[in-house]
């Protein structure tokens, strides 16, 4: 079931500028033909990262009750946002990383499968949750995480992705969802 989406304007353009001004492109990493977009310069620039988190907090304040970070770089973005908003942080981890009991969802990858897990008691039923991660690529991790959060009783009201690789079709796995992508690249 798709939760009602908060009535929010588009993310401020300043956030896109902060990311693009602090992004490093690394050709042929991790393998030939791949253009890796490295967010560590943004994280290493304390002033820019603080302005970025402040901008997200201003945008989402009053519209969410918790922030869910997806392993692993989603944690880096979700934790300061949750602290800034004074809200709980829900961590959604890859299978086998949390002590039990956990809820888990398996999902298919291009070559194989994966699992996402969370501790159910970290979710308050009916909580309006914002899911945040660094990259939206194929959408599998985000879709599995949403299913998991909703199974735990959350109302997932939106997703915030630092980068979106539109050419990989991730949005197609998230129909009807509010997705705020700070920067979108047409190709992977």
Foldseek 3Di string as FASTA:
>chain_A
DAFAADPFDAQDLVLLVLQVVQWDWDAQPPHHPDIDIDRVSSVVPVVSVVVNLVSVLVRCAPPFQEEEAEPDQSCVNRVVNCVVNVHYYWYKYWPPPDDDDWDKDKWDDPPGITMIIGHLVSADAAGAYEYEYAEQAQQGRVLRVVVRNVVSRYNDRAYEYQEYAPCRPNVVSVPPHHYHYSYYDPHD
